[in-house]
Each structure stands twice: as C-alpha cells, then as structure tokens.
C-alpha cells in the first residue's frame, strides 16, 4: 500500500509500505480521512518530537474497523494502562506513552493497526468532522486549563488556535481576541466569531492560550495577563522559554503547559465535533499528500488552508 512516511532527512515521501498486521488486542482500521497536524510538521522539520526514519505519519483520522465495519476515530495516545495517570484517564501524562503516527505507524495510509482500547465510535459524524476530533480535544484541554473564559486571547490562528476559538464559542465565551501575523488566518478567525483580530497581541486578559510556541508569543501570552491570570502554552515551535521574572512573580501569574487531552476530553470532543462546520479545512487527494506536506514544511502552503485533510483509502 502507498503511505506517507518520514524520510529521515527533514522531509516526507510516499512509499510502498507493507500491510499492517494487528497484534493481539489490536484492530486494523480502514482510513477514510486524515489531517496534517503541526506536530507532524514539527517532528519532520525540527525533530521535536523525535521520529524514526520510515515512520508513517498521521494521528488525526477517521475510518472503519475492518472487523465490524463500524465508523470510528482513534485516540492516538497509547498509555501503559497501569500507571496512576493512565488509571485516572490521563494517558497524555503517562511517562511511557506512545503516540500513533509518531512512535508507531500512523494513518497517512489506507490502513493502520491500532489498540482496540483506543478506538472511539463516531456515530453520524462526517469523516471531515471526525478527523477534527483530535485537534478539538487538544484545544478543549487547553481551554479547560485556562480556567476563565471571561476575556481570553488566543495567539495563533492555525488549526489549534481556530479550534480553541471554536471550543471557546461552544462554551459560551463572549470576548475572544485572536492574534496572528497572517491576514488570511485572521479572516478565518473573524468568520468563526472572534471579537477582535490583531497582528501582535496587546491588552490585558483573564487568560491567554498560545498556540504558536514562538519565544515572542510565549512572552506576549504572559505579559498580557492581568494579575492572577493564566497563560496556557500549547505550541511547540521554539525549544526555549524566556520571560521577565518580576511581572510574573509580582502579578502572581500562572503558566500552564498543555499537552494533548484526557480520555474524557477526547470523548467530549466527539460530541463537540457534531457542531463543527468551518471553512478553513481543505481536502486534497492522497496522491498529493507528499506535495501538500512539503508545501507546508517550506511555507509555500496556501495560508487560507489552516488544516489540510486527505483520503488515503
């Protein structure tokens, strides 16, 4: 079968891959739709997270169980299942966690083998909606960590930032500012219901959610907090974090890291995805997956397309 894999040299290529074989406790999924994530781009471009040459990428997807034909998605975080975090449903904090599409083969292929316990039914969701469950869950986790939604700023209008805006609106937020340096992305934020769109964040907020992860945006996320506010850091673009200590300490501001989601949040995202109908998701044929991924890596992708999905099957 054709699959999109990491080439070991900062790029991707379509390869002829062997058919997946389900190990005990696993099920083969016929993939119907899969989305490119910023994590995929970061792994290929910067090695964060580290990924082995030849790994088939893809962790946001919808498909059908080969054994029953049931339409499903898959929580891509595979925990050990026995530690305290896993028993509490926080597999995202398991010290031995693996991620499908990063540490083991993923869904940029017609078929993928996954642990049966990670499979989640999607009911009547469209493939497009179901392939958005993972980013919606990521955004939901960040929003819940932020605490207040009274006056919130989202830094970055890419797929996670726009998903955070979607979640905030679903939860009833009335005052949301979105910042981004790309006008086309801010246009999506305006259409999706942001109250204010701005190139670089300014003002004062109860909570900020940085979905970029650049040194500048991390600084802005903290500097623009009111005293006692919370900055949630989601983006992984830069490896460093540099802040002025005085305003952070004197303002008793809180910085929260946000990684993925709990199993309960993933399940909640399935329900929220039923309302997802945003124009910034762009579908392209799988035979263009290598080109589409490479365009994103080199900054040549269409800025109107915050999320690209394709159909491997």
Protein backbone atom coordinates (compact mmCIF):
# COMPACT_ATOMS: atom_id res chain seq x y z
CA UNK A 1 0.00 0.00 0.00
CA UNK A 2 1.08 3.62 -0.53
CA UNK A 3 1.91 5.52 2.68
CA UNK A 4 3.37 8.92 3.58
CA UNK A 5 6.45 8.46 5.76
CA UNK A 6 9.30 10.44 7.28
CA UNK A 7 12.35 10.28 5.02
CA UNK A 8 14.90 10.75 7.83
CA UNK A 9 16.25 13.96 6.29
CA UNK A 10 13.71 16.65 7.13
CA UNK A 11 11.09 15.66 4.59
CA UNK A 12 8.43 13.11 3.69
CA UNK A 13 7.81 10.80 0.76
CA UNK A 14 5.21 8.38 -0.48
CA UNK A 15 6.50 4.82 -0.16
CA UNK A 16 5.31 1.30 -0.79
CA UNK A 17 4.64 0.03 2.73
CA UNK A 18 3.65 -3.44 3.93
CA UNK A 19 0.10 -4.07 5.01
CA UNK A 20 -0.41 -3.58 8.76
CA UNK A 21 -0.87 -6.70 10.86
CA UNK A 22 -2.94 -6.44 14.03
CA UNK A 23 -1.14 -7.70 17.13
CA UNK A 24 -3.16 -9.24 19.98
CA UNK A 25 -5.54 -6.59 21.30
CA UNK A 26 -5.32 -4.55 18.09
CA UNK A 27 -7.66 -3.86 15.18
CA UNK A 28 -6.92 -2.78 11.62
CA UNK A 29 -8.68 0.44 10.61
CA UNK A 30 -9.51 1.31 7.00
CA UNK A 31 -8.66 5.03 7.00
CA UNK A 32 -11.23 7.29 5.36
CA UNK A 33 -9.84 10.74 6.18
CA UNK A 34 -6.70 12.06 7.90
CA UNK A 35 -5.39 15.52 8.76
CA UNK A 36 -1.91 17.04 8.83
CA UNK A 37 -1.04 18.38 12.29
CA UNK A 38 1.53 20.90 13.47
CA UNK A 39 3.06 18.07 15.49
CA UNK A 40 3.69 16.19 12.23
CA UNK A 41 5.38 19.25 10.76
CA UNK A 42 7.48 19.85 13.88
CA UNK A 43 8.61 16.24 14.04
CA UNK A 44 9.79 16.33 10.43
CA UNK A 45 11.21 19.86 10.43
CA UNK A 46 12.88 20.06 13.85
CA UNK A 47 12.91 16.55 15.32
CA UNK A 48 10.57 17.60 18.14
CA UNK A 49 9.17 15.10 18.86
CA UNK A 50 11.81 12.67 17.63
CA UNK A 51 10.61 10.32 14.92
CA UNK A 52 12.33 7.36 13.29
CA UNK A 53 13.07 7.22 9.57
CA UNK A 54 10.35 5.35 7.73
CA UNK A 55 7.62 6.06 10.28
CA UNK A 56 4.22 6.50 8.68
CA UNK A 57 2.80 9.77 10.00
CA UNK A 58 -0.78 10.71 10.85
CA UNK A 59 -2.67 10.78 14.14
CA UNK A 60 -5.86 12.74 13.30
CA UNK A 61 -8.15 10.42 11.40
CA UNK A 62 -11.46 8.70 10.83
CA UNK A 63 -12.14 5.28 9.38
CA UNK A 64 -13.88 1.93 9.72
CA UNK A 65 -13.00 -1.07 11.82
CA UNK A 66 -12.05 -3.85 9.44
CA UNK A 67 -13.58 -6.46 11.78
CA UNK A 68 -17.03 -4.88 12.26
CA UNK A 69 -17.29 -2.05 9.71
CA UNK A 70 -18.13 0.43 12.47
CA UNK A 71 -17.19 4.05 11.72
CA UNK A 72 -14.63 5.23 14.25
CA UNK A 73 -11.84 7.56 15.20
CA UNK A 74 -8.83 6.69 17.34
CA UNK A 75 -7.33 8.38 20.38
CA UNK A 76 -3.68 8.33 19.24
CA UNK A 77 -2.15 8.42 22.73
CA UNK A 78 -1.23 4.91 23.83
CA UNK A 79 -0.54 4.80 27.57
CA UNK A 80 0.92 1.94 29.58
CA UNK A 81 -2.54 1.33 31.05
CA UNK A 82 -1.30 0.55 34.56
CA UNK A 83 0.26 3.71 36.00
CA UNK A 84 -1.61 6.16 38.20
CA UNK A 85 -2.07 8.65 35.34
CA UNK A 86 -3.46 6.03 32.97
CA UNK A 87 -5.85 4.68 35.59
CA UNK A 88 -7.17 8.22 36.06
CA UNK A 89 -7.73 8.62 32.31
CA UNK A 90 -4.76 10.96 31.84
CA UNK A 91 -2.84 8.88 29.31
CA UNK A 92 -1.38 12.15 27.99
CA UNK A 93 0.71 12.30 31.19
CA UNK A 94 1.85 8.67 31.16
CA UNK A 95 5.65 8.52 31.38
CA UNK A 96 5.69 5.60 28.93
CA UNK A 97 3.14 6.96 26.46
CA UNK A 98 3.46 6.36 22.74
CA UNK A 99 1.71 8.36 20.03
CA UNK A 100 0.32 6.77 16.89
CA UNK A 101 1.91 8.44 13.90
CA UNK A 102 4.99 9.44 15.92
CA UNK A 103 6.31 6.42 17.82
CA UNK A 104 4.43 3.82 15.78
CA UNK A 105 2.93 3.83 12.29
CA UNK A 106 0.02 6.19 11.75
CA UNK A 107 -2.87 6.92 9.44
CA UNK A 108 -1.30 8.52 6.36
CA UNK A 109 -2.00 5.22 4.65
CA UNK A 110 -5.10 3.28 3.57
CA UNK A 111 -4.90 1.07 6.67
CA UNK A 112 -3.40 1.23 10.16
CA UNK A 113 -3.33 -1.17 13.12
CA UNK A 114 -4.29 0.38 16.47
CA UNK A 115 -5.01 -0.81 20.02
CA UNK A 116 -8.68 -1.70 20.34
CA UNK A 117 -8.97 0.26 23.61
CA UNK A 118 -8.11 3.47 21.75
CA UNK A 119 -10.97 3.16 19.27
CA UNK A 120 -13.94 5.54 19.68
CA UNK A 121 -17.22 5.30 17.74
CA UNK A 122 -18.17 8.46 15.82
CA UNK A 123 -21.84 7.83 15.16
CA UNK A 124 -23.20 10.12 12.43
CA UNK A 125 -20.23 12.48 12.22
CA UNK A 126 -18.88 13.13 8.75
CA UNK A 127 -15.33 11.95 8.01
CA UNK A 128 -14.28 15.60 7.91
CA UNK A 129 -15.70 16.25 11.37
CA UNK A 130 -14.32 13.02 12.80
CA UNK A 131 -10.81 13.80 11.57
CA UNK A 132 -11.07 17.07 13.52
CA UNK A 133 -11.83 15.39 16.87
CA UNK A 134 -8.16 15.20 17.87
CA UNK A 135 -7.39 18.94 17.37
CA UNK A 136 -10.69 19.86 19.02
CA UNK A 137 -9.73 17.71 22.01
CA UNK A 138 -6.31 19.38 22.15
CA UNK A 139 -7.99 22.80 22.16
CA UNK A 140 -10.57 21.74 24.74
CA UNK A 141 -7.83 20.60 27.13
CA UNK A 142 -6.06 23.96 26.79
CA UNK A 143 -9.26 25.96 27.31
CA UNK A 144 -10.14 24.00 30.44
CA UNK A 145 -6.64 24.58 31.83
CA UNK A 146 -7.08 28.31 31.24
CA UNK A 147 -9.95 28.35 33.72
CA UNK A 148 -11.61 31.67 32.93
CA UNK A 149 -13.28 32.32 29.59
CA UNK A 150 -14.45 35.82 30.55
CA UNK A 151 -11.81 37.65 28.49
CA UNK A 152 -9.49 35.36 26.57
CA UNK A 153 -6.80 35.79 23.94
CA UNK A 154 -5.74 33.06 21.53
CA UNK A 155 -2.31 33.50 19.98
CA UNK A 156 -2.12 31.90 16.55
CA UNK A 157 -4.93 31.31 14.07
CA UNK A 158 -3.73 27.98 12.77
CA UNK A 159 -5.69 24.78 13.20
CA UNK A 160 -5.27 24.58 17.00
CA UNK A 161 -5.88 28.28 17.55
CA UNK A 162 -9.02 28.20 15.43
CA UNK A 163 -10.09 25.00 17.20
CA UNK A 164 -9.60 26.84 20.51
CA UNK A 165 -11.83 29.63 19.20
CA UNK A 166 -14.42 27.02 18.21
CA UNK A 167 -14.30 25.46 21.70
CA UNK A 168 -14.47 28.85 23.44
CA UNK A 169 -17.57 29.76 21.43
CA UNK A 170 -19.13 26.37 22.18
CA UNK A 171 -18.54 27.01 25.90
CA UNK A 172 -20.12 30.46 25.75
CA UNK A 173 -17.13 32.80 25.69
CA UNK A 174 -18.23 36.34 24.84
CA UNK A 175 -14.91 38.20 24.49
CA UNK A 176 -12.20 36.44 22.47
CA UNK A 177 -9.22 38.11 20.82
CA UNK A 178 -7.18 36.21 18.22
CA UNK A 179 -3.71 37.29 17.11
CA UNK A 180 -1.77 36.19 14.03
CA UNK A 181 0.66 37.77 11.59
CA UNK A 182 -1.09 36.28 8.54
CA UNK A 183 -4.18 38.26 7.40
CA UNK A 184 -5.84 35.26 5.74
CA UNK A 185 -5.81 33.38 9.03
CA UNK A 186 -7.25 36.36 10.89
CA UNK A 187 -10.03 36.40 8.30
CA UNK A 188 -10.94 32.85 9.35
CA UNK A 189 -10.96 33.96 12.99
CA UNK A 190 -13.35 36.78 12.12
CA UNK A 191 -15.68 34.39 10.30
CA UNK A 192 -15.52 31.96 13.22
CA UNK A 193 -16.67 34.58 15.70
CA UNK A 194 -13.61 36.23 17.23
CA UNK A 195 -14.45 39.63 18.72
CA UNK A 196 -11.05 41.18 17.97
CA UNK A 197 -8.35 40.28 15.44
CA UNK A 198 -4.85 41.67 15.84
CA UNK A 199 -1.38 41.09 14.37
CA UNK A 200 0.52 41.01 17.66
CA UNK A 201 -1.19 40.59 20.99
CA UNK A 202 -1.69 43.64 23.20
CA UNK A 203 -4.12 44.49 26.01
CA UNK A 204 -4.92 42.66 29.23
CA UNK A 205 -6.70 39.31 29.55
CA UNK A 206 -8.00 36.92 32.16
CA UNK A 207 -6.40 34.04 30.24
CA UNK A 208 -4.23 33.55 27.18
CA UNK A 209 -3.70 30.44 25.06
CA UNK A 210 -0.51 30.36 22.99
CA UNK A 211 -0.96 28.02 20.06
CA UNK A 212 2.21 29.14 18.27
CA UNK A 213 5.03 28.41 20.70
CA UNK A 214 7.49 31.05 19.48
CA UNK A 215 9.56 32.89 22.08
CA UNK A 216 7.73 36.11 21.20
CA UNK A 217 4.24 34.67 21.53
CA UNK A 218 5.07 32.96 24.81
CA UNK A 219 6.31 36.26 26.17
CA UNK A 220 3.21 38.10 24.95
CA UNK A 221 0.94 35.43 26.43
CA UNK A 222 2.37 36.09 29.90
CA UNK A 223 2.97 39.84 29.63
CA UNK A 224 -0.65 40.47 28.55
CA UNK A 225 -2.18 38.68 31.53
CA UNK A 226 -3.91 40.58 34.29
CA UNK A 227 -2.58 39.90 37.82
CA UNK A 228 -3.64 36.40 38.80
CA UNK A 229 -4.29 35.36 35.21
CA UNK A 230 -3.30 32.13 33.50
CA UNK A 231 -1.25 31.60 30.34
CA UNK A 232 -1.62 28.19 28.70
CA UNK A 233 1.25 27.18 26.43
CA UNK A 234 0.30 24.72 23.69
CA UNK A 235 2.59 25.48 20.76
CA UNK A 236 5.98 23.77 20.49
CA UNK A 237 7.68 25.90 17.84
CA UNK A 238 10.66 27.06 19.95
CA UNK A 239 12.62 24.99 22.43
CA UNK A 240 13.17 27.94 24.78
CA UNK A 241 11.05 29.99 27.17
CA UNK A 242 12.37 33.42 28.24
CA UNK A 243 10.33 35.76 30.45
CA UNK A 244 10.78 38.74 32.74
CA UNK A 245 10.56 37.30 36.22
CA UNK A 246 9.42 40.46 38.01
CA UNK A 247 5.97 40.90 36.40
CA UNK A 248 5.38 37.14 36.55
CA UNK A 249 6.11 36.93 40.27
CA UNK A 250 4.62 40.25 41.38
CA UNK A 251 1.50 39.61 39.32
CA UNK A 252 1.12 36.07 40.67
CA UNK A 253 0.56 34.88 37.14
CA UNK A 254 0.24 31.18 36.32
CA UNK A 255 1.86 29.41 33.38
CA UNK A 256 0.36 26.05 32.40
CA UNK A 257 1.80 23.63 29.90
CA UNK A 258 -0.86 21.88 27.83
CA UNK A 259 -0.23 18.56 26.09
CA UNK A 260 -2.95 16.68 24.25
CA UNK A 261 -6.02 15.68 26.32
CA UNK A 262 -7.50 13.20 28.77
CA UNK A 263 -9.63 10.29 27.60
CA UNK A 264 -12.73 12.09 28.91
CA UNK A 265 -11.84 15.24 26.98
CA UNK A 266 -11.35 13.21 23.80
CA UNK A 267 -14.81 11.71 24.29
CA UNK A 268 -16.26 15.17 24.90
CA UNK A 269 -14.62 16.41 21.69
CA UNK A 270 -16.53 13.72 19.76
CA UNK A 271 -19.76 15.36 20.87
CA UNK A 272 -18.50 18.88 20.10
CA UNK A 273 -17.37 17.88 16.60
CA UNK A 274 -21.02 17.43 15.66
CA UNK A 275 -21.24 21.25 15.52
CA UNK A 276 -18.02 21.72 13.57
CA UNK A 277 -18.51 23.28 10.13
CA UNK A 278 -15.60 25.60 9.47
CA UNK A 279 -14.34 26.71 6.02
CA UNK A 280 -10.64 26.57 6.92
CA UNK A 281 -10.37 22.79 6.49
CA UNK A 282 -9.13 21.94 2.99
CA UNK A 283 -9.40 18.47 1.47
CA UNK A 284 -6.90 17.22 -1.10
CA UNK A 285 -6.36 13.83 -2.79
CA UNK A 286 -3.94 11.43 -1.13
CA UNK A 287 -1.75 11.29 -4.20
CA UNK A 288 -0.95 14.95 -3.45
CA UNK A 289 -0.12 14.26 0.20
CA UNK A 290 3.65 14.43 -0.30
CA UNK A 291 3.39 17.72 -2.17
CA UNK A 292 0.89 19.20 0.29
CA UNK A 293 3.03 18.25 3.29
CA UNK A 294 6.18 19.61 1.64
CA UNK A 295 4.47 22.90 0.82
CA UNK A 296 3.58 23.32 4.49
CA UNK A 297 7.13 22.47 5.55
CA UNK A 298 8.60 25.15 3.30
CA UNK A 299 5.97 27.80 3.96
CA UNK A 300 4.53 27.57 0.45
CA UNK A 301 1.14 26.28 1.56
CA UNK A 302 -1.96 28.39 0.92
CA UNK A 303 -2.47 30.45 4.13
CA UNK A 304 -6.24 30.15 3.67
CA UNK A 305 -5.96 26.44 4.48
CA UNK A 306 -5.41 26.20 8.22
CA UNK A 307 -5.98 22.45 8.13
CA UNK A 308 -5.35 20.02 5.26
CA UNK A 309 -7.04 16.62 5.21
CA UNK A 310 -6.84 13.83 2.65
CA UNK A 311 -8.47 10.47 1.96
CA UNK A 312 -5.92 7.63 1.96
CA UNK A 313 -8.43 4.93 1.05
